[in-house]
Protein backbone atom coordinates (compact mmCIF):
# COMPACT_ATOMS: atom_id res chain seq x y z
CA MET A 1 -26.24 -14.57 1.78
CA GLU A 2 -22.52 -14.29 2.44
CA GLY A 3 -20.02 -11.94 0.82
CA TYR A 4 -16.61 -13.03 -0.38
CA SER A 5 -13.54 -11.27 -1.76
CA ASN A 6 -10.60 -12.66 -3.70
CA GLY A 7 -8.41 -9.79 -2.53
CA ILE A 8 -7.80 -6.06 -2.72
CA GLU A 9 -5.45 -4.00 -4.87
CA THR A 10 -4.56 -0.43 -3.92
CA PHE A 11 -2.87 2.21 -6.06
CA VAL A 12 -1.05 5.08 -4.34
CA LEU A 13 -0.08 7.93 -6.68
CA ILE A 14 2.49 10.37 -5.28
CA GLU A 15 4.08 13.47 -6.77
CA THR A 16 7.10 14.52 -4.72
CA GLU A 17 10.66 15.77 -4.86
CA GLU A 18 11.67 13.14 -2.26
CA ASP A 19 13.49 10.00 -3.38
CA ASP A 20 11.80 6.61 -3.81
CA ALA A 21 12.96 5.33 -0.42
CA VAL A 22 11.23 8.20 1.41
CA ALA A 23 8.01 7.74 -0.58
CA SER A 24 8.07 3.98 0.04
CA LYS A 25 8.58 4.45 3.78
CA MET A 26 5.73 6.98 3.92
CA VAL A 27 3.33 4.47 2.30
CA GLU A 28 4.43 1.67 4.65
CA ILE A 29 3.86 3.85 7.73
CA ALA A 30 0.47 5.02 6.43
CA GLU A 31 -0.65 1.41 5.81
CA ARG A 32 0.35 0.34 9.34
CA ALA A 33 -1.45 3.34 10.86
CA CYS A 34 -4.73 2.76 8.97
CA MET A 35 -7.10 0.58 11.00
CA ALA A 36 -9.36 -0.06 8.00
CA ALA A 37 -6.44 -1.23 5.87
CA GLN A 38 -5.20 -3.52 8.63
CA THR A 39 -8.64 -5.10 8.97
CA VAL A 40 -8.72 -5.87 5.25
CA VAL A 41 -5.09 -6.86 4.59
CA ASN A 42 -5.04 -9.31 7.47
CA ALA A 43 -8.20 -11.03 6.23
CA ILE A 44 -7.61 -11.35 2.46
CA PRO A 45 -4.70 -11.21 -0.01
CA SER A 46 -3.67 -7.63 -0.78
CA LEU A 47 -1.36 -5.75 -3.12
CA THR A 48 -0.26 -2.12 -2.89
CA ASN A 49 1.07 -0.41 -6.02
CA VAL A 50 3.03 2.82 -5.49
CA VAL A 51 3.59 5.27 -8.35
CA VAL A 52 6.00 8.14 -7.65
CA ASN A 53 6.18 10.93 -10.21
CA GLY A 54 4.70 8.62 -12.85
CA ARG A 55 7.05 5.66 -12.15
CA GLN A 56 5.96 2.52 -10.34
CA ILE A 57 8.29 1.65 -7.45
CA GLN A 58 8.64 -1.34 -5.17
CA LEU A 59 7.83 -0.97 -1.50
CA GLY A 60 10.67 -1.74 0.90
CA MET A 61 10.59 -4.71 3.26
CA ARG A 62 6.96 -5.46 4.18
CA THR A 63 6.41 -5.84 7.90
CA LEU A 64 2.66 -5.28 8.06
């Protein structure tokens, strides 16, 4: 038996007084630093959704 995944979708919910650019950068750095995330995102399609103070924002330039 072999497992298979079509992809992974992650939701990051943040409440902060920082602006969207700071929150976006924090998520990008956290993703790059996470060995488990890197193992998964390099093997299958992935999508990260970031919600700051109840509003969905776009991540900055992706360099993962």
